[in-house]
Amino acid sequence: MKNAKCDAFTERFLALDKNERMDAAMKIHALMCRDCRDFIRLYAKAEKLCAEPLQAVLPQNDPTLALIIKKIAPTASQKEEEGVELISLKRWIISGFILVFAVFLFGVFSTIDGSSKLHMLLFLCFALFISCYCAFFIGSNLNFFIKRFGF
């Protein structure tokens, strides 16, 4: 800086806490001294730049980055190499058809037996099975539903 006053001003300015007001003597000195005004302005710019998130552009196929990711999460890098995991719905569809077919068969053959309380109990059991089936299906494929529908 220019002189001892400016050095003292700089020391006092840097000693202030963030958003702490300058006293009157410091304000007057900043108004009169161009170098100190420039220092305050540049300091505020630097502080604002440092507060922003870093905008570093990383190449997608950087081998160093791939090694780091492989060290941190080896399973994540394997999934990336394999591609998106496809969901097999074959067993869910087959078990769903079996469940619906069982409800249908029970409805057809239950007319022979005359106990309505037993029918109601068995239909409630089927309803519970279907509800559990749907819950397990959604729970096991939750990642798919989140990605697909954006929940």
N, C-alpha and C. Protein backbone atom coordinates (compact mmCIF):
# COMPACT_ATOMS: atom_id res chain seq x y z
N MET A 1 0.83 -1.18 0.00
CA MET A 1 0.00 0.00 0.00
C MET A 1 0.88 1.24 0.00
N LYS A 2 0.18 2.36 -0.06
CA LYS A 2 0.80 3.66 -0.24
C LYS A 2 1.58 4.13 1.00
N ASN A 3 0.96 4.07 2.14
CA ASN A 3 1.60 4.59 3.35
C ASN A 3 1.13 3.80 4.57
N ALA A 4 1.55 4.27 5.73
CA ALA A 4 1.22 3.57 6.98
C ALA A 4 -0.27 3.61 7.27
N LYS A 5 -0.95 4.72 6.89
CA LYS A 5 -2.40 4.81 7.12
C LYS A 5 -3.14 3.73 6.32
N CYS A 6 -2.72 3.55 5.08
CA CYS A 6 -3.37 2.54 4.24
C CYS A 6 -3.09 1.14 4.76
N ASP A 7 -1.86 0.90 5.25
CA ASP A 7 -1.55 -0.41 5.83
C ASP A 7 -2.40 -0.66 7.08
N ALA A 8 -2.56 0.34 7.90
CA ALA A 8 -3.39 0.19 9.10
C ALA A 8 -4.85 -0.04 8.72
N PHE A 9 -5.32 0.68 7.68
CA PHE A 9 -6.69 0.50 7.21
C PHE A 9 -6.90 -0.93 6.72
N THR A 10 -5.94 -1.44 5.95
CA THR A 10 -6.04 -2.80 5.42
C THR A 10 -6.10 -3.82 6.56
N GLU A 11 -5.25 -3.64 7.55
CA GLU A 11 -5.24 -4.56 8.69
C GLU A 11 -6.57 -4.53 9.44
N ARG A 12 -7.10 -3.33 9.66
CA ARG A 12 -8.38 -3.21 10.38
C ARG A 12 -9.53 -3.75 9.54
N PHE A 13 -9.48 -3.55 8.21
CA PHE A 13 -10.53 -4.05 7.34
C PHE A 13 -10.54 -5.58 7.32
N LEU A 14 -9.36 -6.18 7.24
CA LEU A 14 -9.28 -7.64 7.22
C LEU A 14 -9.64 -8.25 8.58
N ALA A 15 -9.52 -7.47 9.65
CA ALA A 15 -9.86 -7.97 10.98
C ALA A 15 -11.37 -7.96 11.23
N LEU A 16 -12.11 -7.24 10.39
CA LEU A 16 -13.57 -7.19 10.56
C LEU A 16 -14.19 -8.55 10.25
N ASP A 17 -15.27 -8.87 10.96
CA ASP A 17 -16.03 -10.07 10.65
C ASP A 17 -16.85 -9.83 9.40
N LYS A 18 -17.35 -10.91 8.83
CA LYS A 18 -18.16 -10.79 7.62
C LYS A 18 -19.41 -9.98 7.93
N ASN A 19 -19.73 -9.04 7.07
CA ASN A 19 -20.89 -8.14 7.18
C ASN A 19 -20.83 -7.23 8.41
N GLU A 20 -19.67 -7.10 9.03
CA GLU A 20 -19.53 -6.16 10.14
C GLU A 20 -19.29 -4.77 9.55
N ARG A 21 -19.93 -3.77 10.11
CA ARG A 21 -19.82 -2.41 9.58
C ARG A 21 -18.47 -1.79 9.94
N MET A 22 -17.98 -0.96 9.01
CA MET A 22 -16.76 -0.21 9.28
C MET A 22 -17.11 0.98 10.16
N ASP A 23 -16.17 1.36 11.02
CA ASP A 23 -16.43 2.56 11.83
C ASP A 23 -16.25 3.82 10.98
N ALA A 24 -16.58 4.95 11.53
CA ALA A 24 -16.60 6.21 10.77
C ALA A 24 -15.22 6.57 10.22
N ALA A 25 -14.17 6.37 11.01
CA ALA A 25 -12.82 6.72 10.56
C ALA A 25 -12.43 5.87 9.34
N MET A 26 -12.79 4.60 9.35
CA MET A 26 -12.47 3.74 8.21
C MET A 26 -13.26 4.15 6.98
N LYS A 27 -14.53 4.53 7.16
CA LYS A 27 -15.34 4.96 6.02
C LYS A 27 -14.78 6.23 5.40
N ILE A 28 -14.36 7.16 6.24
CA ILE A 28 -13.80 8.41 5.72
C ILE A 28 -12.51 8.13 4.96
N HIS A 29 -11.66 7.27 5.52
CA HIS A 29 -10.41 6.95 4.83
C HIS A 29 -10.71 6.26 3.49
N ALA A 30 -11.68 5.35 3.46
CA ALA A 30 -12.03 4.66 2.21
C ALA A 30 -12.58 5.63 1.18
N LEU A 31 -13.32 6.65 1.62
CA LEU A 31 -13.84 7.65 0.69
C LEU A 31 -12.73 8.52 0.12
N MET A 32 -11.71 8.80 0.91
CA MET A 32 -10.65 9.70 0.48
C MET A 32 -9.53 8.99 -0.28
N CYS A 33 -9.30 7.72 -0.02
CA CYS A 33 -8.16 7.01 -0.61
C CYS A 33 -8.65 6.08 -1.72
N ARG A 34 -8.19 6.34 -2.92
CA ARG A 34 -8.60 5.53 -4.07
C ARG A 34 -8.05 4.11 -3.97
N ASP A 35 -6.82 3.94 -3.52
CA ASP A 35 -6.23 2.61 -3.41
C ASP A 35 -7.01 1.72 -2.44
N CYS A 36 -7.44 2.29 -1.33
CA CYS A 36 -8.19 1.51 -0.34
C CYS A 36 -9.59 1.17 -0.86
N ARG A 37 -10.21 2.09 -1.60
CA ARG A 37 -11.51 1.78 -2.22
C ARG A 37 -11.36 0.63 -3.21
N ASP A 38 -10.29 0.69 -4.02
CA ASP A 38 -10.05 -0.40 -4.98
C ASP A 38 -9.79 -1.72 -4.25
N PHE A 39 -9.08 -1.64 -3.13
CA PHE A 39 -8.81 -2.84 -2.35
C PHE A 39 -10.13 -3.46 -1.85
N ILE A 40 -11.02 -2.63 -1.32
CA ILE A 40 -12.31 -3.11 -0.82
C ILE A 40 -13.13 -3.72 -1.95
N ARG A 41 -13.16 -3.05 -3.08
CA ARG A 41 -13.93 -3.54 -4.23
C ARG A 41 -13.38 -4.88 -4.72
N LEU A 42 -12.06 -4.97 -4.88
CA LEU A 42 -11.46 -6.22 -5.35
C LEU A 42 -11.60 -7.34 -4.31
N TYR A 43 -11.53 -6.99 -3.04
CA TYR A 43 -11.71 -7.98 -1.98
C TYR A 43 -13.14 -8.54 -2.02
N ALA A 44 -14.12 -7.67 -2.22
CA ALA A 44 -15.51 -8.11 -2.30
C ALA A 44 -15.73 -9.01 -3.52
N LYS A 45 -15.11 -8.66 -4.65
CA LYS A 45 -15.21 -9.51 -5.85
C LYS A 45 -14.60 -10.88 -5.61
N ALA A 46 -13.42 -10.89 -4.99
CA ALA A 46 -12.74 -12.16 -4.72
C ALA A 46 -13.55 -13.02 -3.75
N GLU A 47 -14.14 -12.39 -2.75
CA GLU A 47 -14.95 -13.13 -1.79
C GLU A 47 -16.18 -13.73 -2.47
N LYS A 48 -16.79 -12.96 -3.38
CA LYS A 48 -17.96 -13.45 -4.10
C LYS A 48 -17.59 -14.62 -5.01
N LEU A 49 -16.44 -14.52 -5.69
CA LEU A 49 -15.99 -15.61 -6.56
C LEU A 49 -15.67 -16.87 -5.77
N CYS A 50 -15.08 -16.70 -4.60
CA CYS A 50 -14.74 -17.87 -3.77
C CYS A 50 -15.98 -18.54 -3.20
N ALA A 51 -17.06 -17.79 -3.03
CA ALA A 51 -18.29 -18.36 -2.48
C ALA A 51 -19.06 -19.17 -3.51
N GLU A 52 -18.83 -18.94 -4.80
CA GLU A 52 -19.54 -19.67 -5.84
C GLU A 52 -19.00 -21.10 -5.94
N PRO A 53 -19.84 -22.03 -6.39
CA PRO A 53 -19.35 -23.40 -6.56
C PRO A 53 -18.35 -23.48 -7.71
N LEU A 54 -17.44 -24.41 -7.58
CA LEU A 54 -16.40 -24.58 -8.58
C LEU A 54 -17.00 -25.12 -9.87
N GLN A 55 -16.69 -24.50 -10.98
CA GLN A 55 -17.23 -24.90 -12.28
C GLN A 55 -16.14 -25.59 -13.10
N ALA A 56 -15.62 -26.67 -12.56
CA ALA A 56 -14.57 -27.41 -13.27
C ALA A 56 -15.21 -28.37 -14.26
N VAL A 57 -14.72 -28.37 -15.48
CA VAL A 57 -15.22 -29.27 -16.51
C VAL A 57 -14.30 -30.48 -16.56
N LEU A 58 -14.88 -31.64 -16.31
CA LEU A 58 -14.09 -32.86 -16.34
C LEU A 58 -14.44 -33.65 -17.60
N PRO A 59 -13.44 -34.18 -18.28
CA PRO A 59 -13.73 -34.99 -19.46
C PRO A 59 -14.43 -36.29 -19.05
N GLN A 60 -15.33 -36.76 -19.91
CA GLN A 60 -16.12 -37.95 -19.59
C GLN A 60 -15.27 -39.22 -19.56
N ASN A 61 -14.30 -39.31 -20.43
CA ASN A 61 -13.54 -40.55 -20.53
C ASN A 61 -12.10 -40.38 -20.04
N ASP A 62 -11.91 -39.65 -18.97
CA ASP A 62 -10.59 -39.45 -18.39
C ASP A 62 -10.19 -40.72 -17.64
N PRO A 63 -9.06 -41.35 -17.99
CA PRO A 63 -8.68 -42.60 -17.33
C PRO A 63 -8.35 -42.40 -15.85
N THR A 64 -7.80 -41.26 -15.48
CA THR A 64 -7.50 -41.00 -14.08
C THR A 64 -8.78 -40.93 -13.27
N LEU A 65 -9.77 -40.25 -13.80
CA LEU A 65 -11.06 -40.14 -13.13
C LEU A 65 -11.72 -41.50 -13.00
N ALA A 66 -11.61 -42.32 -14.03
CA ALA A 66 -12.20 -43.67 -13.98
C ALA A 66 -11.54 -44.52 -12.90
N LEU A 67 -10.21 -44.39 -12.75
CA LEU A 67 -9.51 -45.14 -11.70
C LEU A 67 -9.94 -44.68 -10.31
N ILE A 68 -10.12 -43.38 -10.14
CA ILE A 68 -10.55 -42.85 -8.84
C ILE A 68 -11.94 -43.36 -8.50
N ILE A 69 -12.84 -43.32 -9.47
CA ILE A 69 -14.21 -43.80 -9.22
C ILE A 69 -14.20 -45.29 -8.92
N LYS A 70 -13.34 -46.04 -9.61
CA LYS A 70 -13.27 -47.48 -9.38
C LYS A 70 -12.75 -47.78 -7.97
N LYS A 71 -11.83 -46.95 -7.47
CA LYS A 71 -11.32 -47.13 -6.11
C LYS A 71 -12.40 -46.79 -5.07
N ILE A 72 -13.16 -45.72 -5.33
CA ILE A 72 -14.17 -45.27 -4.37
C ILE A 72 -15.34 -46.24 -4.32
N ALA A 73 -15.92 -46.53 -5.46
CA ALA A 73 -17.10 -47.39 -5.52
C ALA A 73 -16.95 -48.39 -6.66
N PRO A 74 -16.37 -49.55 -6.37
CA PRO A 74 -16.14 -50.51 -7.45
C PRO A 74 -17.44 -51.02 -8.08
N THR A 75 -18.50 -51.13 -7.29
CA THR A 75 -19.76 -51.63 -7.86
C THR A 75 -20.38 -50.61 -8.80
N ALA A 76 -20.20 -49.33 -8.53
CA ALA A 76 -20.76 -48.30 -9.41
C ALA A 76 -20.06 -48.31 -10.76
N SER A 77 -18.75 -48.51 -10.76
CA SER A 77 -18.04 -48.53 -12.04
C SER A 77 -18.39 -49.78 -12.84
N GLN A 78 -18.68 -50.89 -12.16
CA GLN A 78 -19.09 -52.10 -12.89
C GLN A 78 -20.44 -51.90 -13.55
N LYS A 79 -21.37 -51.26 -12.84
CA LYS A 79 -22.69 -51.00 -13.42
C LYS A 79 -22.58 -50.06 -14.60
N GLU A 80 -21.67 -49.08 -14.50
CA GLU A 80 -21.49 -48.14 -15.60
C GLU A 80 -20.98 -48.86 -16.84
N GLU A 81 -20.05 -49.79 -16.63
CA GLU A 81 -19.50 -50.53 -17.76
C GLU A 81 -20.54 -51.47 -18.37
N GLU A 82 -21.37 -52.07 -17.50
CA GLU A 82 -22.37 -53.01 -18.00
C GLU A 82 -23.53 -52.31 -18.68
N GLY A 83 -23.76 -51.08 -18.34
CA GLY A 83 -24.89 -50.35 -18.88
C GLY A 83 -26.06 -50.39 -17.92
N VAL A 84 -27.18 -49.90 -18.36
CA VAL A 84 -28.36 -49.85 -17.52
C VAL A 84 -28.91 -51.25 -17.32
N GLU A 85 -29.20 -51.57 -16.07
CA GLU A 85 -29.72 -52.89 -15.75
C GLU A 85 -31.18 -52.97 -16.16
N LEU A 86 -31.50 -53.99 -16.95
CA LEU A 86 -32.87 -54.18 -17.40
C LEU A 86 -33.63 -54.98 -16.35
N ILE A 87 -34.89 -54.66 -16.20
CA ILE A 87 -35.73 -55.34 -15.23
C ILE A 87 -36.45 -56.47 -15.93
N SER A 88 -36.36 -57.67 -15.37
CA SER A 88 -37.06 -58.83 -15.93
C SER A 88 -38.42 -58.93 -15.27
N LEU A 89 -39.45 -58.75 -16.06
CA LEU A 89 -40.81 -58.81 -15.54
C LEU A 89 -41.45 -60.18 -15.77
N LYS A 90 -40.71 -61.10 -16.33
CA LYS A 90 -41.26 -62.40 -16.70
C LYS A 90 -41.84 -63.14 -15.49
N ARG A 91 -41.07 -63.23 -14.41
CA ARG A 91 -41.55 -63.97 -13.23
C ARG A 91 -42.71 -63.25 -12.56
N TRP A 92 -42.71 -61.91 -12.61
CA TRP A 92 -43.82 -61.16 -12.01
C TRP A 92 -45.11 -61.38 -12.81
N ILE A 93 -45.00 -61.39 -14.13
CA ILE A 93 -46.18 -61.59 -14.97
C ILE A 93 -46.73 -63.01 -14.78
N ILE A 94 -45.84 -63.99 -14.74
CA ILE A 94 -46.29 -65.38 -14.56
C ILE A 94 -46.99 -65.55 -13.21
N SER A 95 -46.37 -65.04 -12.16
CA SER A 95 -47.00 -65.19 -10.83
C SER A 95 -48.30 -64.40 -10.74
N GLY A 96 -48.39 -63.26 -11.41
CA GLY A 96 -49.64 -62.50 -11.43
C GLY A 96 -50.75 -63.25 -12.13
N PHE A 97 -50.42 -63.87 -13.27
CA PHE A 97 -51.43 -64.68 -13.98
C PHE A 97 -51.88 -65.87 -13.13
N ILE A 98 -50.94 -66.51 -12.45
CA ILE A 98 -51.31 -67.64 -11.58
C ILE A 98 -52.25 -67.18 -10.48
N LEU A 99 -51.95 -66.03 -9.89
CA LEU A 99 -52.80 -65.49 -8.82
C LEU A 99 -54.19 -65.16 -9.33
N VAL A 100 -54.29 -64.50 -10.46
CA VAL A 100 -55.60 -64.15 -11.03
C VAL A 100 -56.35 -65.41 -11.46
N PHE A 101 -55.63 -66.38 -12.03
CA PHE A 101 -56.26 -67.64 -12.43
C PHE A 101 -56.80 -68.39 -11.22
N ALA A 102 -56.06 -68.36 -10.10
CA ALA A 102 -56.53 -69.02 -8.88
C ALA A 102 -57.79 -68.35 -8.35
N VAL A 103 -57.86 -67.03 -8.39
CA VAL A 103 -59.07 -66.32 -7.96
C VAL A 103 -60.23 -66.70 -8.87
N PHE A 104 -59.99 -66.75 -10.17
CA PHE A 104 -61.04 -67.11 -11.12
C PHE A 104 -61.54 -68.54 -10.88
N LEU A 105 -60.61 -69.48 -10.72
CA LEU A 105 -61.00 -70.87 -10.48
C LEU A 105 -61.77 -71.01 -9.17
N PHE A 106 -61.34 -70.29 -8.16
CA PHE A 106 -62.05 -70.35 -6.88
C PHE A 106 -63.46 -69.80 -7.04
N GLY A 107 -63.62 -68.74 -7.81
CA GLY A 107 -64.96 -68.18 -8.04
C GLY A 107 -65.86 -69.13 -8.79
N VAL A 108 -65.30 -69.84 -9.77
CA VAL A 108 -66.10 -70.78 -10.57
C VAL A 108 -66.50 -72.01 -9.74
N PHE A 109 -65.55 -72.57 -9.01
CA PHE A 109 -65.82 -73.81 -8.28
C PHE A 109 -66.40 -73.59 -6.89
N SER A 110 -66.49 -72.35 -6.45
CA SER A 110 -67.02 -72.11 -5.11
C SER A 110 -68.54 -72.13 -5.06
N THR A 111 -69.20 -72.13 -6.21
CA THR A 111 -70.66 -72.18 -6.21
C THR A 111 -71.18 -73.52 -5.74
N ILE A 112 -70.35 -74.54 -5.75
CA ILE A 112 -70.75 -75.86 -5.28
C ILE A 112 -70.91 -75.85 -3.77
N ASP A 113 -69.98 -75.26 -3.09
CA ASP A 113 -70.02 -75.19 -1.63
C ASP A 113 -70.92 -74.03 -1.22
N GLY A 114 -71.71 -74.16 -0.17
CA GLY A 114 -72.70 -73.15 0.15
C GLY A 114 -72.33 -72.21 1.28
N SER A 115 -71.17 -72.32 1.89
CA SER A 115 -70.82 -71.50 3.04
C SER A 115 -70.35 -70.12 2.58
N SER A 116 -71.19 -69.10 2.81
CA SER A 116 -70.83 -67.75 2.36
C SER A 116 -69.75 -67.12 3.24
N LYS A 117 -69.69 -67.49 4.53
CA LYS A 117 -68.65 -66.95 5.41
C LYS A 117 -67.27 -67.45 4.97
N LEU A 118 -67.21 -68.70 4.57
CA LEU A 118 -65.95 -69.25 4.08
C LEU A 118 -65.53 -68.58 2.78
N HIS A 119 -66.51 -68.33 1.91
CA HIS A 119 -66.21 -67.63 0.65
C HIS A 119 -65.64 -66.24 0.92
N MET A 120 -66.30 -65.53 1.84
CA MET A 120 -65.84 -64.17 2.15
C MET A 120 -64.42 -64.19 2.71
N LEU A 121 -64.14 -65.14 3.59
CA LEU A 121 -62.81 -65.26 4.18
C LEU A 121 -61.76 -65.57 3.10
N LEU A 122 -62.07 -66.48 2.21
CA LEU A 122 -61.12 -66.83 1.16
C LEU A 122 -60.92 -65.69 0.16
N PHE A 123 -62.00 -64.97 -0.17
CA PHE A 123 -61.84 -63.82 -1.07
C PHE A 123 -61.01 -62.72 -0.41
N LEU A 124 -61.17 -62.54 0.90
CA LEU A 124 -60.34 -61.57 1.61
C LEU A 124 -58.87 -62.01 1.62
N CYS A 125 -58.64 -63.31 1.73
CA CYS A 125 -57.27 -63.81 1.65
C CYS A 125 -56.67 -63.55 0.27
N PHE A 126 -57.48 -63.79 -0.77
CA PHE A 126 -57.00 -63.49 -2.12
C PHE A 126 -56.72 -61.99 -2.28
N ALA A 127 -57.57 -61.16 -1.72
CA ALA A 127 -57.34 -59.71 -1.79
C ALA A 127 -56.04 -59.33 -1.08
N LEU A 128 -55.79 -59.97 0.06
CA LEU A 128 -54.54 -59.73 0.79
C LEU A 128 -53.34 -60.19 -0.05
N PHE A 129 -53.45 -61.35 -0.69
CA PHE A 129 -52.36 -61.84 -1.53
C PHE A 129 -52.10 -60.89 -2.70
N ILE A 130 -53.14 -60.41 -3.32
CA ILE A 130 -52.98 -59.49 -4.45
C ILE A 130 -52.36 -58.17 -3.99
N SER A 131 -52.79 -57.68 -2.83
CA SER A 131 -52.21 -56.44 -2.30
C SER A 131 -50.73 -56.62 -1.98
N CYS A 132 -50.39 -57.75 -1.36
CA CYS A 132 -48.98 -58.02 -1.06
C CYS A 132 -48.17 -58.18 -2.35
N TYR A 133 -48.76 -58.83 -3.34
CA TYR A 133 -48.10 -59.00 -4.63
C TYR A 133 -47.77 -57.64 -5.24
N CYS A 134 -48.76 -56.74 -5.24
CA CYS A 134 -48.53 -55.39 -5.80
C CYS A 134 -47.48 -54.63 -5.00
N ALA A 135 -47.54 -54.75 -3.66
CA ALA A 135 -46.56 -54.05 -2.83
C ALA A 135 -45.15 -54.58 -3.07
N PHE A 136 -45.00 -55.89 -3.16
CA PHE A 136 -43.68 -56.46 -3.43
C PHE A 136 -43.18 -56.09 -4.82
N PHE A 137 -44.07 -56.06 -5.78
CA PHE A 137 -43.68 -55.69 -7.14
C PHE A 137 -43.16 -54.26 -7.17
N ILE A 138 -43.89 -53.34 -6.58
CA ILE A 138 -43.47 -51.93 -6.57
C ILE A 138 -42.21 -51.76 -5.74
N GLY A 139 -42.15 -52.44 -4.58
CA GLY A 139 -40.98 -52.32 -3.72
C GLY A 139 -39.71 -52.85 -4.35
N SER A 140 -39.80 -53.95 -5.07
CA SER A 140 -38.60 -54.53 -5.67
C SER A 140 -38.17 -53.78 -6.93
N ASN A 141 -39.07 -53.05 -7.55
CA ASN A 141 -38.75 -52.30 -8.76
C ASN A 141 -38.86 -50.79 -8.54
N LEU A 142 -38.64 -50.36 -7.30
CA LEU A 142 -38.81 -48.95 -6.95
C LEU A 142 -37.86 -48.05 -7.73
N ASN A 143 -36.64 -48.49 -7.93
CA ASN A 143 -35.67 -47.70 -8.68
C ASN A 143 -36.16 -47.43 -10.10
N PHE A 144 -36.77 -48.44 -10.72
CA PHE A 144 -37.31 -48.29 -12.07
C PHE A 144 -38.43 -47.25 -12.09
N PHE A 145 -39.33 -47.31 -11.12
CA PHE A 145 -40.46 -46.38 -11.10
C PHE A 145 -39.99 -44.95 -10.85
N ILE A 146 -38.98 -44.79 -10.01
CA ILE A 146 -38.47 -43.44 -9.74
C ILE A 146 -37.83 -42.86 -10.99
N LYS A 147 -37.03 -43.64 -11.69
CA LYS A 147 -36.38 -43.14 -12.91
C LYS A 147 -37.39 -42.93 -14.03
N ARG A 148 -38.35 -43.82 -14.14
CA ARG A 148 -39.31 -43.76 -15.25
C ARG A 148 -40.30 -42.61 -15.10
N PHE A 149 -40.86 -42.45 -13.91
CA PHE A 149 -41.92 -41.48 -13.71
C PHE A 149 -41.46 -40.23 -12.97
N GLY A 150 -40.21 -40.18 -12.53
CA GLY A 150 -39.65 -38.98 -11.94
C GLY A 150 -40.21 -38.61 -10.59
N PHE A 151 -40.54 -39.59 -9.76
CA PHE A 151 -41.05 -39.28 -8.42
C PHE A 151 -39.93 -38.86 -7.52
